[in-house]
Amino acid sequence: MAECHSTATPVDTHAKLSAMDGAPVSDATQYRSHTGALQYLTLTRPDLAYVVQQVCLFMHDPREPHLVMLKRVLWYVKGILFTGLHIGTGSITNLIAYSYADWASCSDSRQSTSGYCVFLGDNLVSWSSKR
């Protein structure tokens, strides 16, 4: 994957994957290894929290469409290697919060996904993503 092209977004927002979609992957250990490494990356890259959580849902029985989603995350990471959270020193004039909820969106478990992020000026100060 060293020569792959990068992508602008880490996940296809229109795809709804199920646990039984597609054929099983040939090497589930490699899928789990890459997914575990991405979990550590979410500590410094909150933009990956949602998609890594989605990839982790299928670690027990990864399938080909799940592997495609994992590869897309890796393509995204390749494109953002030199970006990160910016903590500015400018004046703080506003507090902005964004939230998201998708009730019963998982077709397998009917569980919901929600998340939020809070900005103080231009600085991200808090975020959460959970299922």
C-alpha atoms as a PDB file:
ATOM      1  CA  MET A   1       0.000   0.000   0.000  1.00  0.00           C
ATOM      2  CA  ALA A   2       3.058   2.268  -0.014  1.00  0.00           C
ATOM      3  CA  GLU A   3       2.340   3.357  -3.594  1.00  0.00           C
ATOM      4  CA  CYS A   4      -1.428   3.822  -3.183  1.00  0.00           C
ATOM      5  CA  HIS A   5      -3.228   7.106  -3.778  1.00  0.00           C
ATOM      6  CA  SER A   6      -4.699   9.012  -0.844  1.00  0.00           C
ATOM      7  CA  THR A   7      -8.362   9.872  -0.383  1.00  0.00           C
ATOM      8  CA  ALA A   8      -9.985  13.017   1.027  1.00  0.00           C
ATOM      9  CA  THR A   9     -12.366  11.260   3.446  1.00  0.00           C
ATOM     10  CA  PRO A  10     -11.818   8.241   5.721  1.00  0.00           C
ATOM     11  CA  VAL A  11     -15.228   6.623   5.121  1.00  0.00           C
ATOM     12  CA  ASP A  12     -17.922   6.312   2.485  1.00  0.00           C
ATOM     13  CA  THR A  13     -20.876   7.994   4.199  1.00  0.00           C
ATOM     14  CA  HIS A  14     -23.454   6.183   2.082  1.00  0.00           C
ATOM     15  CA  ALA A  15     -22.265   2.619   2.736  1.00  0.00           C
ATOM     16  CA  LYS A  16     -24.058   0.613   5.428  1.00  0.00           C
ATOM     17  CA  LEU A  17     -22.075  -2.552   6.034  1.00  0.00           C
ATOM     18  CA  SER A  18     -23.488  -5.654   7.619  1.00  0.00           C
ATOM     19  CA  ALA A  19     -21.624  -8.375   9.495  1.00  0.00           C
ATOM     20  CA  MET A  20     -22.429 -10.950   6.805  1.00  0.00           C
ATOM     21  CA  ASP A  21     -21.662  -8.905   3.645  1.00  0.00           C
ATOM     22  CA  GLY A  22     -19.156 -10.496   1.265  1.00  0.00           C
ATOM     23  CA  ALA A  23     -16.713 -13.369   1.531  1.00  0.00           C
ATOM     24  CA  PRO A  24     -14.423 -13.823   4.574  1.00  0.00           C
ATOM     25  CA  VAL A  25     -10.956 -12.291   4.236  1.00  0.00           C
ATOM     26  CA  SER A  26      -8.037 -14.642   3.627  1.00  0.00           C
ATOM     27  CA  ASP A  27      -5.948 -13.328   6.563  1.00  0.00           C
ATOM     28  CA  ALA A  28      -8.068 -12.164   9.506  1.00  0.00           C
ATOM     29  CA  THR A  29      -4.940 -11.729  11.667  1.00  0.00           C
ATOM     30  CA  GLN A  30      -3.624  -8.998   9.384  1.00  0.00           C
ATOM     31  CA  TYR A  31      -7.012  -7.239   9.454  1.00  0.00           C
ATOM     32  CA  ARG A  32      -6.975  -7.294  13.269  1.00  0.00           C
ATOM     33  CA  SER A  33      -3.366  -6.079  13.382  1.00  0.00           C
ATOM     34  CA  HIS A  34      -4.069  -3.055  11.171  1.00  0.00           C
ATOM     35  CA  THR A  35      -7.268  -2.277  13.051  1.00  0.00           C
ATOM     36  CA  GLY A  36      -5.452  -2.399  16.392  1.00  0.00           C
ATOM     37  CA  ALA A  37      -2.799  -0.009  15.106  1.00  0.00           C
ATOM     38  CA  LEU A  38      -5.510   2.401  13.963  1.00  0.00           C
ATOM     39  CA  GLN A  39      -7.044   2.325  17.450  1.00  0.00           C
ATOM     40  CA  TYR A  40      -3.833   3.834  18.843  1.00  0.00           C
ATOM     41  CA  LEU A  41      -3.844   6.455  16.119  1.00  0.00           C
ATOM     42  CA  THR A  42      -7.256   7.750  17.252  1.00  0.00           C
ATOM     43  CA  LEU A  43      -5.630   9.134  20.412  1.00  0.00           C
ATOM     44  CA  THR A  44      -4.088  11.937  18.354  1.00  0.00           C
ATOM     45  CA  ARG A  45      -6.457  11.886  15.369  1.00  0.00           C
ATOM     46  CA  PRO A  46     -10.061  12.336  16.548  1.00  0.00           C
ATOM     47  CA  ASP A  47     -11.198  12.572  12.915  1.00  0.00           C
ATOM     48  CA  LEU A  48     -10.587   8.806  12.705  1.00  0.00           C
ATOM     49  CA  ALA A  49     -12.542   7.821  15.819  1.00  0.00           C
ATOM     50  CA  TYR A  50     -15.828   7.065  14.067  1.00  0.00           C
ATOM     51  CA  VAL A  51     -14.448   5.080  11.144  1.00  0.00           C
ATOM     52  CA  VAL A  52     -12.038   3.078  13.305  1.00  0.00           C
ATOM     53  CA  GLN A  53     -14.955   2.195  15.588  1.00  0.00           C
ATOM     54  CA  GLN A  54     -16.838   0.989  12.497  1.00  0.00           C
ATOM     55  CA  VAL A  55     -13.871  -1.136  11.370  1.00  0.00           C
ATOM     56  CA  CYS A  56     -13.552  -2.630  14.871  1.00  0.00           C
ATOM     57  CA  LEU A  57     -17.142  -3.876  14.766  1.00  0.00           C
ATOM     58  CA  PHE A  58     -16.109  -6.594  12.340  1.00  0.00           C
ATOM     59  CA  MET A  59     -12.856  -7.818  13.941  1.00  0.00           C
ATOM     60  CA  HIS A  60     -14.391 -11.141  15.009  1.00  0.00           C
ATOM     61  CA  ASP A  61     -15.280 -12.141  11.416  1.00  0.00           C
ATOM     62  CA  PRO A  62     -13.851  -9.670   8.857  1.00  0.00           C
ATOM     63  CA  ARG A  63     -15.214  -9.827   5.316  1.00  0.00           C
ATOM     64  CA  GLU A  64     -14.011  -8.380   2.007  1.00  0.00           C
ATOM     65  CA  PRO A  65     -16.176  -5.191   2.189  1.00  0.00           C
ATOM     66  CA  HIS A  66     -14.811  -4.580   5.709  1.00  0.00           C
ATOM     67  CA  LEU A  67     -11.266  -4.921   4.367  1.00  0.00           C
ATOM     68  CA  VAL A  68     -12.089  -2.362   1.664  1.00  0.00           C
ATOM     69  CA  MET A  69     -13.234   0.038   4.397  1.00  0.00           C
ATOM     70  CA  LEU A  70     -10.021  -0.585   6.352  1.00  0.00           C
ATOM     71  CA  LYS A  71      -7.920   0.094   3.243  1.00  0.00           C
ATOM     72  CA  ARG A  72      -9.798   3.358   2.656  1.00  0.00           C
ATOM     73  CA  VAL A  73      -8.862   4.481   6.180  1.00  0.00           C
ATOM     74  CA  LEU A  74      -5.221   3.687   5.426  1.00  0.00           C
ATOM     75  CA  TRP A  75      -5.445   5.670   2.154  1.00  0.00           C
ATOM     76  CA  TYR A  76      -6.836   8.609   4.138  1.00  0.00           C
ATOM     77  CA  VAL A  77      -4.057   8.353   6.740  1.00  0.00           C
ATOM     78  CA  LYS A  78      -1.482   8.417   3.947  1.00  0.00           C
ATOM     79  CA  GLY A  79      -2.895  11.760   2.775  1.00  0.00           C
ATOM     80  CA  ILE A  80      -2.876  13.354   6.255  1.00  0.00           C
ATOM     81  CA  LEU A  81       0.539  12.242   7.515  1.00  0.00           C
ATOM     82  CA  PHE A  82       1.713  15.806   8.055  1.00  0.00           C
ATOM     83  CA  THR A  83      -1.447  17.292   9.561  1.00  0.00           C
ATOM     84  CA  GLY A  84      -2.692  17.232  13.126  1.00  0.00           C
ATOM     85  CA  LEU A  85      -4.522  19.095  15.829  1.00  0.00           C
ATOM     86  CA  HIS A  86      -3.656  22.776  15.877  1.00  0.00           C
ATOM     87  CA  ILE A  87      -3.630  24.693  19.147  1.00  0.00           C
ATOM     88  CA  GLY A  88      -3.560  28.381  18.261  1.00  0.00           C
ATOM     89  CA  THR A  89      -2.655  31.351  20.428  1.00  0.00           C
ATOM     90  CA  GLY A  90      -5.097  33.835  18.921  1.00  0.00           C
ATOM     91  CA  SER A  91      -7.973  35.488  20.718  1.00  0.00           C
ATOM     92  CA  ILE A  92     -10.833  33.289  21.851  1.00  0.00           C
ATOM     93  CA  THR A  93     -14.094  34.877  20.785  1.00  0.00           C
ATOM     94  CA  ASN A  94     -16.530  31.996  20.666  1.00  0.00           C
ATOM     95  CA  LEU A  95     -17.423  28.519  21.884  1.00  0.00           C
ATOM     96  CA  ILE A  96     -18.919  26.227  19.226  1.00  0.00           C
ATOM     97  CA  ALA A  97     -20.233  22.680  19.695  1.00  0.00           C
ATOM     98  CA  TYR A  98     -21.351  20.203  17.053  1.00  0.00           C
ATOM     99  CA  SER A  99     -23.228  16.967  17.668  1.00  0.00           C
ATOM    100  CA  TYR A 100     -24.414  14.016  15.609  1.00  0.00           C
ATOM    101  CA  ALA A 101     -26.765  11.118  16.260  1.00  0.00           C
ATOM    102  CA  ASP A 102     -27.871   8.276  14.023  1.00  0.00           C
ATOM    103  CA  TRP A 103     -30.498   6.320  15.928  1.00  0.00           C
ATOM    104  CA  ALA A 104     -30.607   2.534  15.376  1.00  0.00           C
ATOM    105  CA  SER A 105     -28.354   2.857  12.322  1.00  0.00           C
ATOM    106  CA  CYS A 106     -26.587  -0.511  12.629  1.00  0.00           C
ATOM    107  CA  SER A 107     -28.498  -3.076  10.582  1.00  0.00           C
ATOM    108  CA  ASP A 108     -27.155  -5.969  12.704  1.00  0.00           C
ATOM    109  CA  SER A 109     -27.655  -4.765  16.284  1.00  0.00           C
ATOM    110  CA  ARG A 110     -29.965  -1.752  15.778  1.00  0.00           C
ATOM    111  CA  GLN A 111     -27.666   0.275  18.042  1.00  0.00           C
ATOM    112  CA  SER A 112     -27.230   4.004  17.674  1.00  0.00           C
ATOM    113  CA  THR A 113     -24.122   6.059  16.938  1.00  0.00           C
ATOM    114  CA  SER A 114     -23.533   9.510  18.402  1.00  0.00           C
ATOM    115  CA  GLY A 115     -20.739  11.993  18.791  1.00  0.00           C
ATOM    116  CA  TYR A 116     -19.814  15.591  19.507  1.00  0.00           C
ATOM    117  CA  CYS A 117     -16.930  18.030  19.292  1.00  0.00           C
ATOM    118  CA  VAL A 118     -16.394  21.354  21.058  1.00  0.00           C
ATOM    119  CA  PHE A 119     -14.229  24.196  19.763  1.00  0.00           C
ATOM    120  CA  LEU A 120     -12.981  27.109  21.865  1.00  0.00           C
ATOM    121  CA  GLY A 121     -12.085  29.651  19.214  1.00  0.00           C
ATOM    122  CA  ASP A 122     -10.297  27.615  16.529  1.00  0.00           C
ATOM    123  CA  ASN A 123      -9.041  24.994  19.002  1.00  0.00           C
ATOM    124  CA  LEU A 124     -10.670  21.589  19.432  1.00  0.00           C
ATOM    125  CA  VAL A 125     -10.951  21.097  23.195  1.00  0.00           C
ATOM    126  CA  SER A 126     -13.284  18.099  23.580  1.00  0.00           C
ATOM    127  CA  TRP A 127     -14.728  15.321  21.446  1.00  0.00           C
ATOM    128  CA  SER A 128     -16.466  11.985  21.773  1.00  0.00           C
ATOM    129  CA  SER A 129     -17.761   9.275  19.490  1.00  0.00           C
ATOM    130  CA  LYS A 130     -19.646   6.260  20.770  1.00  0.00           C
ATOM    131  CA  ARG A 131     -22.043   3.546  19.827  1.00  0.00           C
END
